[in-house]
Amino acid sequence: MAFPKSELFPIMDQQVSIFNRALGYPARISILLLLEEKGPMQVTDLVKILPLTAGTISEHLKKLRQVGLVSAEVHGLRNYYAFSKSGFRDMLELQQTLVDKLRVDEEVAFTQEMMQSNCDVLE
């Protein structure tokens, strides 16, 4: 029986990949920002603000819920979606682990120093 090749890789690598794919759409970023700024919202509220259909927004919310960046509460017949700070913190911790493993901070610091020295030369 076939299985996804991603299962051959470490769990952390899989999780980082899943989070990054979830954030790979500008609409999802906009949804997260709106939920963080305005608090819990319904799909109909998001439809009034974003240039997307209810079905498209629902699909994006589904993906964001799957990775824990959005939570949902049912009140009667209505679903309210909210930004999950704890889910976002979890994602940041995974991203930081990746950054630490790649030693990107050292490279970023070096790049910033180089850019600053180039700016100093231009002045």
PDB file of N, CA and C in Angstrom:
ATOM      1  N   MET A   1       0.839  -1.185   0.000  1.00  0.00           N
ATOM      2  CA  MET A   1       0.000   0.000   0.000  1.00  0.00           C
ATOM      3  C   MET A   1       0.885   1.251   0.000  1.00  0.00           C
ATOM      4  N   ALA A   2       0.542   2.216  -0.797  1.00  0.00           N
ATOM      5  CA  ALA A   2       1.335   3.439  -0.908  1.00  0.00           C
ATOM      6  C   ALA A   2       1.063   4.357   0.284  1.00  0.00           C
ATOM      7  N   PHE A   3       2.058   5.146   0.639  1.00  0.00           N
ATOM      8  CA  PHE A   3       1.897   6.135   1.694  1.00  0.00           C
ATOM      9  C   PHE A   3       2.626   7.399   1.254  1.00  0.00           C
ATOM     10  N   PRO A   4       2.221   8.546   1.823  1.00  0.00           N
ATOM     11  CA  PRO A   4       2.863   9.804   1.418  1.00  0.00           C
ATOM     12  C   PRO A   4       4.358   9.792   1.730  1.00  0.00           C
ATOM     13  N   LYS A   5       5.142  10.277   0.804  1.00  0.00           N
ATOM     14  CA  LYS A   5       6.600  10.335   1.004  1.00  0.00           C
ATOM     15  C   LYS A   5       6.965  11.272   2.150  1.00  0.00           C
ATOM     16  N   SER A   6       6.094  12.229   2.454  1.00  0.00           N
ATOM     17  CA  SER A   6       6.402  13.150   3.552  1.00  0.00           C
ATOM     18  C   SER A   6       6.579  12.404   4.868  1.00  0.00           C
ATOM     19  N   GLU A   7       5.949  11.243   5.004  1.00  0.00           N
ATOM     20  CA  GLU A   7       6.074  10.461   6.229  1.00  0.00           C
ATOM     21  C   GLU A   7       7.488   9.909   6.433  1.00  0.00           C
ATOM     22  N   LEU A   8       8.308   9.980   5.410  1.00  0.00           N
ATOM     23  CA  LEU A   8       9.689   9.520   5.512  1.00  0.00           C
ATOM     24  C   LEU A   8      10.588  10.547   6.212  1.00  0.00           C
ATOM     25  N   PHE A   9      10.059  11.750   6.410  1.00  0.00           N
ATOM     26  CA  PHE A   9      10.848  12.838   6.983  1.00  0.00           C
ATOM     27  C   PHE A   9      10.490  13.049   8.445  1.00  0.00           C
ATOM     28  N   PRO A  10      11.378  13.693   9.201  1.00  0.00           N
ATOM     29  CA  PRO A  10      11.105  13.931  10.628  1.00  0.00           C
ATOM     30  C   PRO A  10       9.793  14.699  10.836  1.00  0.00           C
ATOM     31  N   ILE A  11       9.146  14.413  11.956  1.00  0.00           N
ATOM     32  CA  ILE A  11       7.862  15.044  12.291  1.00  0.00           C
ATOM     33  C   ILE A  11       7.967  16.569  12.256  1.00  0.00           C
ATOM     34  N   MET A  12       9.034  17.125  12.834  1.00  0.00           N
ATOM     35  CA  MET A  12       9.173  18.582  12.854  1.00  0.00           C
ATOM     36  C   MET A  12       9.196  19.148  11.442  1.00  0.00           C
ATOM     37  N   ASP A  13       9.913  18.496  10.536  1.00  0.00           N
ATOM     38  CA  ASP A  13       9.972  18.964   9.153  1.00  0.00           C
ATOM     39  C   ASP A  13       8.583  18.932   8.516  1.00  0.00           C
ATOM     40  N   GLN A  14       7.839  17.888   8.806  1.00  0.00           N
ATOM     41  CA  GLN A  14       6.482  17.783   8.276  1.00  0.00           C
ATOM     42  C   GLN A  14       5.597  18.904   8.813  1.00  0.00           C
ATOM     43  N   GLN A  15       5.709  19.173  10.114  1.00  0.00           N
ATOM     44  CA  GLN A  15       4.878  20.201  10.732  1.00  0.00           C
ATOM     45  C   GLN A  15       5.194  21.589  10.195  1.00  0.00           C
ATOM     46  N   VAL A  16       6.469  21.900  10.046  1.00  0.00           N
ATOM     47  CA  VAL A  16       6.862  23.201   9.492  1.00  0.00           C
ATOM     48  C   VAL A  16       6.298  23.342   8.083  1.00  0.00           C
ATOM     49  N   SER A  17       6.396  22.292   7.308  1.00  0.00           N
ATOM     50  CA  SER A  17       5.879  22.310   5.942  1.00  0.00           C
ATOM     51  C   SER A  17       4.364  22.535   5.917  1.00  0.00           C
ATOM     52  N   ILE A  18       3.658  21.858   6.808  1.00  0.00           N
ATOM     53  CA  ILE A  18       2.197  21.997   6.869  1.00  0.00           C
ATOM     54  C   ILE A  18       1.810  23.430   7.230  1.00  0.00           C
ATOM     55  N   PHE A  19       2.472  24.014   8.232  1.00  0.00           N
ATOM     56  CA  PHE A  19       2.185  25.396   8.611  1.00  0.00           C
ATOM     57  C   PHE A  19       2.469  26.353   7.454  1.00  0.00           C
ATOM     58  N   ASN A  20       3.602  26.159   6.798  1.00  0.00           N
ATOM     59  CA  ASN A  20       3.962  27.063   5.706  1.00  0.00           C
ATOM     60  C   ASN A  20       2.983  26.957   4.540  1.00  0.00           C
ATOM     61  N   ARG A  21       2.525  25.737   4.253  1.00  0.00           N
ATOM     62  CA  ARG A  21       1.516  25.585   3.204  1.00  0.00           C
ATOM     63  C   ARG A  21       0.214  26.273   3.590  1.00  0.00           C
ATOM     64  N   ALA A  22      -0.135  26.194   4.860  1.00  0.00           N
ATOM     65  CA  ALA A  22      -1.373  26.832   5.323  1.00  0.00           C
ATOM     66  C   ALA A  22      -1.309  28.346   5.159  1.00  0.00           C
ATOM     67  N   LEU A  23      -0.123  28.915   5.277  1.00  0.00           N
ATOM     68  CA  LEU A  23       0.038  30.361   5.140  1.00  0.00           C
ATOM     69  C   LEU A  23       0.441  30.782   3.731  1.00  0.00           C
ATOM     70  N   GLY A  24       0.403  29.841   2.806  1.00  0.00           N
ATOM     71  CA  GLY A  24       0.869  30.106   1.449  1.00  0.00           C
ATOM     72  C   GLY A  24      -0.117  30.834   0.549  1.00  0.00           C
ATOM     73  N   TYR A  25      -1.193  31.361   1.109  1.00  0.00           N
ATOM     74  CA  TYR A  25      -2.197  32.067   0.326  1.00  0.00           C
ATOM     75  C   TYR A  25      -2.428  33.447   0.948  1.00  0.00           C
ATOM     76  N   PRO A  26      -2.375  34.501   0.158  1.00  0.00           N
ATOM     77  CA  PRO A  26      -2.619  35.842   0.705  1.00  0.00           C
ATOM     78  C   PRO A  26      -3.980  35.955   1.384  1.00  0.00           C
ATOM     79  N   ALA A  27      -4.975  35.258   0.874  1.00  0.00           N
ATOM     80  CA  ALA A  27      -6.306  35.306   1.486  1.00  0.00           C
ATOM     81  C   ALA A  27      -6.265  34.798   2.919  1.00  0.00           C
ATOM     82  N   ARG A  28      -5.494  33.757   3.174  1.00  0.00           N
ATOM     83  CA  ARG A  28      -5.415  33.199   4.523  1.00  0.00           C
ATOM     84  C   ARG A  28      -4.717  34.165   5.473  1.00  0.00           C
ATOM     85  N   ILE A  29      -3.720  34.858   4.975  1.00  0.00           N
ATOM     86  CA  ILE A  29      -3.044  35.870   5.794  1.00  0.00           C
ATOM     87  C   ILE A  29      -4.045  36.967   6.145  1.00  0.00           C
ATOM     88  N   SER A  30      -4.807  37.416   5.151  1.00  0.00           N
ATOM     89  CA  SER A  30      -5.816  38.460   5.386  1.00  0.00           C
ATOM     90  C   SER A  30      -6.866  38.002   6.389  1.00  0.00           C
ATOM     91  N   ILE A  31      -7.300  36.756   6.288  1.00  0.00           N
ATOM     92  CA  ILE A  31      -8.282  36.215   7.224  1.00  0.00           C
ATOM     93  C   ILE A  31      -7.715  36.224   8.641  1.00  0.00           C
ATOM     94  N   LEU A  32      -6.486  35.754   8.803  1.00  0.00           N
ATOM     95  CA  LEU A  32      -5.864  35.750  10.131  1.00  0.00           C
ATOM     96  C   LEU A  32      -5.759  37.159  10.701  1.00  0.00           C
ATOM     97  N   LEU A  33      -5.328  38.098   9.878  1.00  0.00           N
ATOM     98  CA  LEU A  33      -5.185  39.478  10.344  1.00  0.00           C
ATOM     99  C   LEU A  33      -6.526  40.070  10.750  1.00  0.00           C
ATOM    100  N   LEU A  34      -7.571  39.801   9.972  1.00  0.00           N
ATOM    101  CA  LEU A  34      -8.904  40.303  10.312  1.00  0.00           C
ATOM    102  C   LEU A  34      -9.407  39.688  11.618  1.00  0.00           C
ATOM    103  N   LEU A  35      -9.237  38.386  11.771  1.00  0.00           N
ATOM    104  CA  LEU A  35      -9.699  37.725  12.988  1.00  0.00           C
ATOM    105  C   LEU A  35      -8.934  38.221  14.215  1.00  0.00           C
ATOM    106  N   GLU A  36      -7.658  38.483  14.047  1.00  0.00           N
ATOM    107  CA  GLU A  36      -6.855  38.984  15.158  1.00  0.00           C
ATOM    108  C   GLU A  36      -7.281  40.408  15.513  1.00  0.00           C
ATOM    109  N   GLU A  37      -7.547  41.212  14.505  1.00  0.00           N
ATOM    110  CA  GLU A  37      -7.896  42.620  14.721  1.00  0.00           C
ATOM    111  C   GLU A  37      -9.318  42.793  15.243  1.00  0.00           C
ATOM    112  N   LYS A  38     -10.273  42.085  14.636  1.00  0.00           N
ATOM    113  CA  LYS A  38     -11.687  42.321  14.941  1.00  0.00           C
ATOM    114  C   LYS A  38     -12.289  41.319  15.918  1.00  0.00           C
ATOM    115  N   GLY A  39     -11.579  40.231  16.192  1.00  0.00           N
ATOM    116  CA  GLY A  39     -12.135  39.211  17.072  1.00  0.00           C
ATOM    117  C   GLY A  39     -12.946  38.204  16.273  1.00  0.00           C
ATOM    118  N   PRO A  40     -13.666  37.323  16.973  1.00  0.00           N
ATOM    119  CA  PRO A  40     -14.427  36.261  16.294  1.00  0.00           C
ATOM    120  C   PRO A  40     -15.392  36.809  15.244  1.00  0.00           C
ATOM    121  N   MET A  41     -15.428  36.134  14.107  1.00  0.00           N
ATOM    122  CA  MET A  41     -16.278  36.558  12.993  1.00  0.00           C
ATOM    123  C   MET A  41     -16.925  35.343  12.341  1.00  0.00           C
ATOM    124  N   GLN A  42     -18.033  35.606  11.660  1.00  0.00           N
ATOM    125  CA  GLN A  42     -18.684  34.587  10.857  1.00  0.00           C
ATOM    126  C   GLN A  42     -18.175  34.698   9.416  1.00  0.00           C
ATOM    127  N   VAL A  43     -18.418  33.660   8.648  1.00  0.00           N
ATOM    128  CA  VAL A  43     -18.045  33.695   7.232  1.00  0.00           C
ATOM    129  C   VAL A  43     -18.722  34.877   6.548  1.00  0.00           C
ATOM    130  N   THR A  44     -19.987  35.123   6.888  1.00  0.00           N
ATOM    131  CA  THR A  44     -20.714  36.234   6.248  1.00  0.00           C
ATOM    132  C   THR A  44     -20.061  37.578   6.533  1.00  0.00           C
ATOM    133  N   ASP A  45     -19.464  37.728   7.724  1.00  0.00           N
ATOM    134  CA  ASP A  45     -18.741  38.967   8.043  1.00  0.00           C
ATOM    135  C   ASP A  45     -17.510  39.110   7.156  1.00  0.00           C
ATOM    136  N   LEU A  46     -16.802  38.011   6.975  1.00  0.00           N
ATOM    137  CA  LEU A  46     -15.590  38.033   6.149  1.00  0.00           C
ATOM    138  C   LEU A  46     -15.921  38.288   4.681  1.00  0.00           C
ATOM    139  N   VAL A  47     -17.052  37.765   4.214  1.00  0.00           N
ATOM    140  CA  VAL A  47     -17.479  37.974   2.818  1.00  0.00           C
ATOM    141  C   VAL A  47     -17.681  39.460   2.533  1.00  0.00           C
ATOM    142  N   LYS A  48     -18.164  40.194   3.520  1.00  0.00           N
ATOM    143  CA  LYS A  48     -18.412  41.638   3.344  1.00  0.00           C
ATOM    144  C   LYS A  48     -17.114  42.428   3.203  1.00  0.00           C
ATOM    145  N   ILE A  49     -16.019  41.859   3.701  1.00  0.00           N
ATOM    146  CA  ILE A  49     -14.744  42.579   3.713  1.00  0.00           C
ATOM    147  C   ILE A  49     -13.799  42.108   2.611  1.00  0.00           C
ATOM    148  N   LEU A  50     -13.762  40.811   2.378  1.00  0.00           N
ATOM    149  CA  LEU A  50     -12.809  40.234   1.420  1.00  0.00           C
ATOM    150  C   LEU A  50     -13.455  40.009   0.054  1.00  0.00           C
ATOM    151  N   PRO A  51     -12.661  40.083  -1.005  1.00  0.00           N
ATOM    152  CA  PRO A  51     -13.205  39.862  -2.360  1.00  0.00           C
ATOM    153  C   PRO A  51     -13.289  38.370  -2.698  1.00  0.00           C
ATOM    154  N   LEU A  52     -13.903  37.593  -1.796  1.00  0.00           N
ATOM    155  CA  LEU A  52     -13.993  36.145  -1.965  1.00  0.00           C
ATOM    156  C   LEU A  52     -15.413  35.674  -1.680  1.00  0.00           C
ATOM    157  N   THR A  53     -15.760  34.525  -2.236  1.00  0.00           N
ATOM    158  CA  THR A  53     -17.068  33.940  -1.971  1.00  0.00           C
ATOM    159  C   THR A  53     -17.067  33.255  -0.608  1.00  0.00           C
ATOM    160  N   ALA A  54     -18.257  32.992  -0.104  1.00  0.00           N
ATOM    161  CA  ALA A  54     -18.393  32.306   1.179  1.00  0.00           C
ATOM    162  C   ALA A  54     -17.747  30.924   1.123  1.00  0.00           C
ATOM    163  N   GLY A  55     -17.915  30.235   0.021  1.00  0.00           N
ATOM    164  CA  GLY A  55     -17.329  28.903  -0.128  1.00  0.00           C
ATOM    165  C   GLY A  55     -15.809  28.931  -0.077  1.00  0.00           C
ATOM    166  N   THR A  56     -15.232  29.914  -0.729  1.00  0.00           N
ATOM    167  CA  THR A  56     -13.772  30.046  -0.743  1.00  0.00           C
ATOM    168  C   THR A  56     -13.253  30.377   0.650  1.00  0.00           C
ATOM    169  N   ILE A  57     -13.930  31.292   1.326  1.00  0.00           N
ATOM    170  CA  ILE A  57     -13.519  31.663   2.687  1.00  0.00           C
ATOM    171  C   ILE A  57     -13.647  30.458   3.616  1.00  0.00           C
ATOM    172  N   SER A  58     -14.736  29.723   3.476  1.00  0.00           N
ATOM    173  CA  SER A  58     -14.929  28.525   4.305  1.00  0.00           C
ATOM    174  C   SER A  58     -13.806  27.520   4.096  1.00  0.00           C
ATOM    175  N   GLU A  59     -13.391  27.348   2.868  1.00  0.00           N
ATOM    176  CA  GLU A  59     -12.301  26.404   2.574  1.00  0.00           C
ATOM    177  C   GLU A  59     -10.990  26.879   3.198  1.00  0.00           C
ATOM    178  N   HIS A  60     -10.710  28.180   3.113  1.00  0.00           N
ATOM    179  CA  HIS A  60      -9.502  28.718   3.741  1.00  0.00           C
ATOM    180  C   HIS A  60      -9.571  28.552   5.265  1.00  0.00           C
ATOM    181  N   LEU A  61     -10.727  28.814   5.854  1.00  0.00           N
ATOM    182  CA  LEU A  61     -10.886  28.646   7.291  1.00  0.00           C
ATOM    183  C   LEU A  61     -10.687  27.191   7.705  1.00  0.00           C
ATOM    184  N   LYS A  62     -11.158  26.284   6.876  1.00  0.00           N
ATOM    185  CA  LYS A  62     -10.988  24.850   7.157  1.00  0.00           C
ATOM    186  C   LYS A  62      -9.504  24.506   7.253  1.00  0.00           C
ATOM    187  N   LYS A  63      -8.716  24.985   6.297  1.00  0.00           N
ATOM    188  CA  LYS A  63      -7.274  24.710   6.306  1.00  0.00           C
ATOM    189  C   LYS A  63      -6.596  25.358   7.513  1.00  0.00           C
ATOM    190  N   LEU A  64      -6.990  26.581   7.842  1.00  0.00           N
ATOM    191  CA  LEU A  64      -6.401  27.270   8.988  1.00  0.00           C
ATOM    192  C   LEU A  64      -6.781  26.582  10.299  1.00  0.00           C
ATOM    193  N   ARG A  65      -7.979  26.030  10.363  1.00  0.00           N
ATOM    194  CA  ARG A  65      -8.394  25.268  11.548  1.00  0.00           C
ATOM    195  C   ARG A  65      -7.596  23.972  11.662  1.00  0.00           C
ATOM    196  N   GLN A  66      -7.347  23.322  10.537  1.00  0.00           N
ATOM    197  CA  GLN A  66      -6.617  22.052  10.555  1.00  0.00           C
ATOM    198  C   GLN A  66      -5.230  22.181  11.160  1.00  0.00           C
ATOM    199  N   VAL A  67      -4.604  23.336  10.980  1.00  0.00           N
ATOM    200  CA  VAL A  67      -3.259  23.532  11.536  1.00  0.00           C
ATOM    201  C   VAL A  67      -3.285  24.265  12.873  1.00  0.00           C
ATOM    202  N   GLY A  68      -4.481  24.590  13.356  1.00  0.00           N
ATOM    203  CA  GLY A  68      -4.616  25.193  14.674  1.00  0.00           C
ATOM    204  C   GLY A  68      -4.439  26.692  14.735  1.00  0.00           C
ATOM    205  N   LEU A  69      -4.455  27.372  13.588  1.00  0.00           N
ATOM    206  CA  LEU A  69      -4.306  28.824  13.593  1.00  0.00           C
ATOM    207  C   LEU A  69      -5.629  29.545  13.795  1.00  0.00           C
ATOM    208  N   VAL A  70      -6.727  28.825  13.610  1.00  0.00           N
ATOM    209  CA  VAL A  70      -8.071  29.370  13.790  1.00  0.00           C
ATOM    210  C   VAL A  70      -8.881  28.365  14.591  1.00  0.00           C
ATOM    211  N   SER A  71      -9.698  28.887  15.494  1.00  0.00           N
ATOM    212  CA  SER A  71     -10.624  28.029  16.235  1.00  0.00           C
ATOM    213  C   SER A  71     -12.047  28.401  15.826  1.00  0.00           C
ATOM    214  N   ALA A  72     -12.987  27.509  16.115  1.00  0.00           N
ATOM    215  CA  ALA A  72     -14.384  27.764  15.762  1.00  0.00           C
ATOM    216  C   ALA A  72     -15.281  27.437  16.947  1.00  0.00           C
ATOM    217  N   GLU A  73     -16.287  28.259  17.131  1.00  0.00           N
ATOM    218  CA  GLU A  73     -17.301  28.021  18.161  1.00  0.00           C
ATOM    219  C   GLU A  73     -18.661  28.099  17.499  1.00  0.00           C
ATOM    220  N   VAL A  74     -19.534  27.204  17.903  1.00  0.00           N
ATOM    221  CA  VAL A  74     -20.901  27.184  17.378  1.00  0.00           C
ATOM    222  C   VAL A  74     -21.821  27.833  18.408  1.00  0.00           C
ATOM    223  N   HIS A  75     -22.575  28.813  17.939  1.00  0.00           N
ATOM    224  CA  HIS A  75     -23.599  29.477  18.751  1.00  0.00           C
ATOM    225  C   HIS A  75     -24.914  29.338  18.003  1.00  0.00           C
ATOM    226  N   GLY A  76     -25.705  28.371  18.411  1.00  0.00           N
ATOM    227  CA  GLY A  76     -26.955  28.104  17.699  1.00  0.00           C
ATOM    228  C   GLY A  76     -26.645  27.579  16.312  1.00  0.00           C
ATOM    229  N   LEU A  77     -27.112  28.285  15.306  1.00  0.00           N
ATOM    230  CA  LEU A  77     -26.864  27.890  13.920  1.00  0.00           C
ATOM    231  C   LEU A  77     -25.656  28.596  13.318  1.00  0.00           C
ATOM    232  N   ARG A  78     -24.983  29.383  14.122  1.00  0.00           N
ATOM    233  CA  ARG A  78     -23.882  30.194  13.591  1.00  0.00           C
ATOM    234  C   ARG A  78     -22.527  29.709  14.084  1.00  0.00           C
ATOM    235  N   ASN A  79     -21.550  29.719  13.166  1.00  0.00           N
ATOM    236  CA  ASN A  79     -20.164  29.403  13.501  1.00  0.00           C
ATOM    237  C   ASN A  79     -19.374  30.704  13.580  1.00  0.00           C
ATOM    238  N   TYR A  80     -18.646  30.859  14.645  1.00  0.00           N
ATOM    239  CA  TYR A  80     -17.764  32.003  14.806  1.00  0.00           C
ATOM    240  C   TYR A  80     -16.325  31.506  14.783  1.00  0.00           C
ATOM    241  N   TYR A  81     -15.516  32.167  13.990  1.00  0.00           N
ATOM    242  CA  TYR A  81     -14.114  31.788  13.845  1.00  0.00           C
ATOM    243  C   TYR A  81     -13.245  32.830  14.522  1.00  0.00           C
ATOM    244  N   ALA A  82     -12.190  32.357  15.185  1.00  0.00           N
ATOM    245  CA  ALA A  82     -11.302  33.261  15.919  1.00  0.00           C
ATOM    246  C   ALA A  82      -9.842  32.886  15.657  1.00  0.00           C
ATOM    247  N   PHE A  83      -9.003  33.889  15.712  1.00  0.00           N
ATOM    248  CA  PHE A  83      -7.554  33.696  15.611  1.00  0.00           C
ATOM    249  C   PHE A  83      -7.082  32.964  16.859  1.00  0.00           C
ATOM    250  N   SER A  84      -6.237  31.954  16.691  1.00  0.00           N
ATOM    251  CA  SER A  84      -5.719  31.179  17.817  1.00  0.00           C
ATOM    252  C   SER A  84      -4.288  31.614  18.116  1.00  0.00           C
ATOM    253  N   LYS A  85      -4.142  32.401  19.173  1.00  0.00           N
ATOM    254  CA  LYS A  85      -2.802  32.861  19.560  1.00  0.00           C
ATOM    255  C   LYS A  85      -1.912  31.685  19.940  1.00  0.00           C
ATOM    256  N   SER A  86      -2.476  30.701  20.616  1.00  0.00           N
ATOM    257  CA  SER A  86      -1.661  29.551  21.027  1.00  0.00           C
ATOM    258  C   SER A  86      -1.205  28.757  19.801  1.00  0.00           C
ATOM    259  N   GLY A  87      -2.078  28.609  18.816  1.00  0.00           N
ATOM    260  CA  GLY A  87      -1.695  27.923  17.581  1.00  0.00           C
ATOM    261  C   GLY A  87      -0.601  28.682  16.847  1.00  0.00           C
ATOM    262  N   PHE A  88      -0.715  30.009  16.855  1.00  0.00           N
ATOM    263  CA  PHE A  88       0.298  30.827  16.188  1.00  0.00           C
ATOM    264  C   PHE A  88       1.632  30.731  16.927  1.00  0.00           C
ATOM    265  N   ARG A  89       1.575  30.713  18.272  1.00  0.00           N
ATOM    266  CA  ARG A  89       2.808  30.549  19.056  1.00  0.00           C
ATOM    267  C   ARG A  89       3.473  29.213  18.747  1.00  0.00           C
ATOM    268  N   ASP A  90       2.656  28.162  18.641  1.00  0.00           N
ATOM    269  CA  ASP A  90       3.203  26.845  18.297  1.00  0.00           C
ATOM    270  C   ASP A  90       3.919  26.893  16.958  1.00  0.00           C
ATOM    271  N   MET A  91       3.289  27.577  15.986  1.00  0.00           N
ATOM    272  CA  MET A  91       3.898  27.683  14.667  1.00  0.00           C
ATOM    273  C   MET A  91       5.217  28.453  14.746  1.00  0.00           C
ATOM    274  N   LEU A  92       5.223  29.537  15.511  1.00  0.00           N
ATOM    275  CA  LEU A  92       6.453  30.333  15.644  1.00  0.00           C
ATOM    276  C   LEU A  92       7.573  29.531  16.293  1.00  0.00           C
ATOM    277  N   GLU A  93       7.232  28.716  17.271  1.00  0.00           N
ATOM    278  CA  GLU A  93       8.246  27.881  17.918  1.00  0.00           C
ATOM    279  C   GLU A  93       8.853  26.892  16.929  1.00  0.00           C
ATOM    280  N   LEU A  94       8.002  26.297  16.101  1.00  0.00           N
ATOM    281  CA  LEU A  94       8.523  25.387  15.072  1.00  0.00           C
ATOM    282  C   LEU A  94       9.415  26.129  14.085  1.00  0.00           C
ATOM    283  N   GLN A  95       8.964  27.309  13.671  1.00  0.00           N
ATOM    284  CA  GLN A  95       9.757  28.109  12.728  1.00  0.00           C
ATOM    285  C   GLN A  95      11.097  28.489  13.363  1.00  0.00           C
ATOM    286  N   GLN A  96      11.065  28.855  14.659  1.00  0.00           N
ATOM    287  CA  GLN A  96      12.307  29.232  15.337  1.00  0.00           C
ATOM    288  C   GLN A  96      13.260  28.050  15.420  1.00  0.00           C
ATOM    289  N   THR A  97      12.723  26.867  15.648  1.00  0.00           N
ATOM    290  CA  THR A  97      13.554  25.661  15.675  1.00  0.00           C
ATOM    291  C   THR A  97      14.250  25.476  14.337  1.00  0.00           C
ATOM    292  N   LEU A  98      13.498  25.694  13.259  1.00  0.00           N
ATOM    293  CA  LEU A  98      14.081  25.582  11.922  1.00  0.00           C
ATOM    294  C   LEU A  98      15.161  26.638  11.713  1.00  0.00           C
ATOM    295  N   VAL A  99      14.863  27.868  12.116  1.00  0.00           N
ATOM    296  CA  VAL A  99      15.850  28.952  11.988  1.00  0.00           C
ATOM    297  C   VAL A  99      17.112  28.604  12.763  1.00  0.00           C
ATOM    298  N   ASP A 100      16.943  28.101  13.980  1.00  0.00           N
ATOM    299  CA  ASP A 100      18.102  27.730  14.797  1.00  0.00           C
ATOM    300  C   ASP A 100      18.923  26.632  14.125  1.00  0.00           C
ATOM    301  N   LYS A 101      18.240  25.660  13.560  1.00  0.00           N
ATOM    302  CA  LYS A 101      18.954  24.560  12.904  1.00  0.00           C
ATOM    303  C   LYS A 101      19.715  25.042  11.674  1.00  0.00           C
ATOM    304  N   LEU A 102      19.141  26.001  10.989  1.00  0.00           N
ATOM    305  CA  LEU A 102      19.791  26.510   9.779  1.00  0.00           C
ATOM    306  C   LEU A 102      20.800  27.618  10.079  1.00  0.00           C
ATOM    307  N   ARG A 103      20.845  28.034  11.315  1.00  0.00           N
ATOM    308  CA  ARG A 103      21.723  29.126  11.736  1.00  0.00           C
ATOM    309  C   ARG A 103      21.526  30.367  10.883  1.00  0.00           C
ATOM    310  N   VAL A 104      20.276  30.651  10.586  1.00  0.00           N
ATOM    311  CA  VAL A 104      19.932  31.794   9.743  1.00  0.00           C
ATOM    312  C   VAL A 104      20.244  33.106  10.437  1.00  0.00           C
ATOM    313  N   ASP A 105      20.115  33.152  11.752  1.00  0.00           N
ATOM    314  CA  ASP A 105      20.370  34.396  12.473  1.00  0.00           C
ATOM    315  C   ASP A 105      21.763  34.940  12.188  1.00  0.00           C
ATOM    316  N   GLU A 106      22.747  34.054  12.157  1.00  0.00           N
ATOM    317  CA  GLU A 106      24.110  34.490  11.878  1.00  0.00           C
ATOM    318  C   GLU A 106      24.211  35.093  10.482  1.00  0.00           C
ATOM    319  N   GLU A 107      23.545  34.448   9.527  1.00  0.00           N
ATOM    320  CA  GLU A 107      23.579  34.939   8.148  1.00  0.00           C
ATOM    321  C   GLU A 107      22.841  36.265   8.028  1.00  0.00           C
ATOM    322  N   VAL A 108      21.695  36.374   8.701  1.00  0.00           N
ATOM    323  CA  VAL A 108      20.928  37.616   8.665  1.00  0.00           C
ATOM    324  C   VAL A 108      21.745  38.746   9.269  1.00  0.00           C
ATOM    325  N   ALA A 109      22.388  38.480  10.404  1.00  0.00           N
ATOM    326  CA  ALA A 109      23.216  39.505  11.043  1.00  0.00           C
ATOM    327  C   ALA A 109      24.342  39.928  10.102  1.00  0.00           C
ATOM    328  N   PHE A 110      24.967  38.963   9.446  1.00  0.00           N
ATOM    329  CA  PHE A 110      26.046  39.264   8.499  1.00  0.00           C
ATOM    330  C   PHE A 110      25.502  40.104   7.339  1.00  0.00           C
ATOM    331  N   THR A 111      24.356  39.716   6.804  1.00  0.00           N
ATOM    332  CA  THR A 111      23.745  40.446   5.687  1.00  0.00           C
ATOM    333  C   THR A 111      23.399  41.867   6.103  1.00  0.00           C
ATOM    334  N   GLN A 112      22.841  42.040   7.312  1.00  0.00           N
ATOM    335  CA  GLN A 112      22.511  43.382   7.791  1.00  0.00           C
ATOM    336  C   GLN A 112      23.761  44.229   7.954  1.00  0.00           C
ATOM    337  N   GLU A 113      24.837  43.632   8.456  1.00  0.00           N
ATOM    338  CA  GLU A 113      26.101  44.361   8.591  1.00  0.00           C
ATOM    339  C   GLU A 113      26.620  44.797   7.225  1.00  0.00           C
ATOM    340  N   MET A 114      26.532  43.892   6.256  1.00  0.00           N
ATOM    341  CA  MET A 114      26.997  44.210   4.901  1.00  0.00           C
ATOM    342  C   MET A 114      26.159  45.328   4.295  1.00  0.00           C
ATOM    343  N   MET A 115      24.848  45.258   4.479  1.00  0.00           N
ATOM    344  CA  MET A 115      23.965  46.291   3.932  1.00  0.00           C
ATOM    345  C   MET A 115      24.265  47.639   4.585  1.00  0.00           C
ATOM    346  N   GLN A 116      24.477  47.632   5.898  1.00  0.00           N
ATOM    347  CA  GLN A 116      24.784  48.863   6.608  1.00  0.00           C
ATOM    348  C   GLN A 116      26.104  49.452   6.128  1.00  0.00           C
ATOM    349  N   SER A 117      27.114  48.604   5.944  1.00  0.00           N
ATOM    350  CA  SER A 117      28.405  49.113   5.486  1.00  0.00           C
ATOM    351  C   SER A 117      28.292  49.657   4.064  1.00  0.00           C
ATOM    352  N   ASN A 118      27.448  49.038   3.233  1.00  0.00           N
ATOM    353  CA  ASN A 118      27.226  49.549   1.887  1.00  0.00           C
ATOM    354  C   ASN A 118      26.531  50.897   1.923  1.00  0.00           C
ATOM    355  N   CYS A 119      25.571  51.061   2.854  1.00  0.00           N
ATOM    356  CA  CYS A 119      24.885  52.337   3.000  1.00  0.00           C
ATOM    357  C   CYS A 119      25.841  53.411   3.468  1.00  0.00           C
ATOM    358  N   ASP A 120      26.730  53.036   4.399  1.00  0.00           N
ATOM    359  CA  ASP A 120      27.708  53.994   4.923  1.00  0.00           C
ATOM    360  C   ASP A 120      28.624  54.480   3.796  1.00  0.00           C
ATOM    361  N   VAL A 121      28.979  53.595   2.884  1.00  0.00           N
ATOM    362  CA  VAL A 121      29.849  53.960   1.761  1.00  0.00           C
ATOM    363  C   VAL A 121      29.140  54.946   0.853  1.00  0.00           C
ATOM    364  N   LEU A 122      27.822  54.759   0.664  1.00  0.00           N
ATOM    365  CA  LEU A 122      27.058  55.629  -0.229  1.00  0.00           C
ATOM    366  C   LEU A 122      26.839  57.014   0.335  1.00  0.00           C
ATOM    367  N   GLU A 123      26.920  57.151   1.656  1.00  0.00           N
ATOM    368  CA  GLU A 123      26.661  58.464   2.280  1.00  0.00           C
ATOM    369  C   GLU A 123      27.784  59.427   2.113  1.00  0.00           C
TER     370      GLU A 123
END
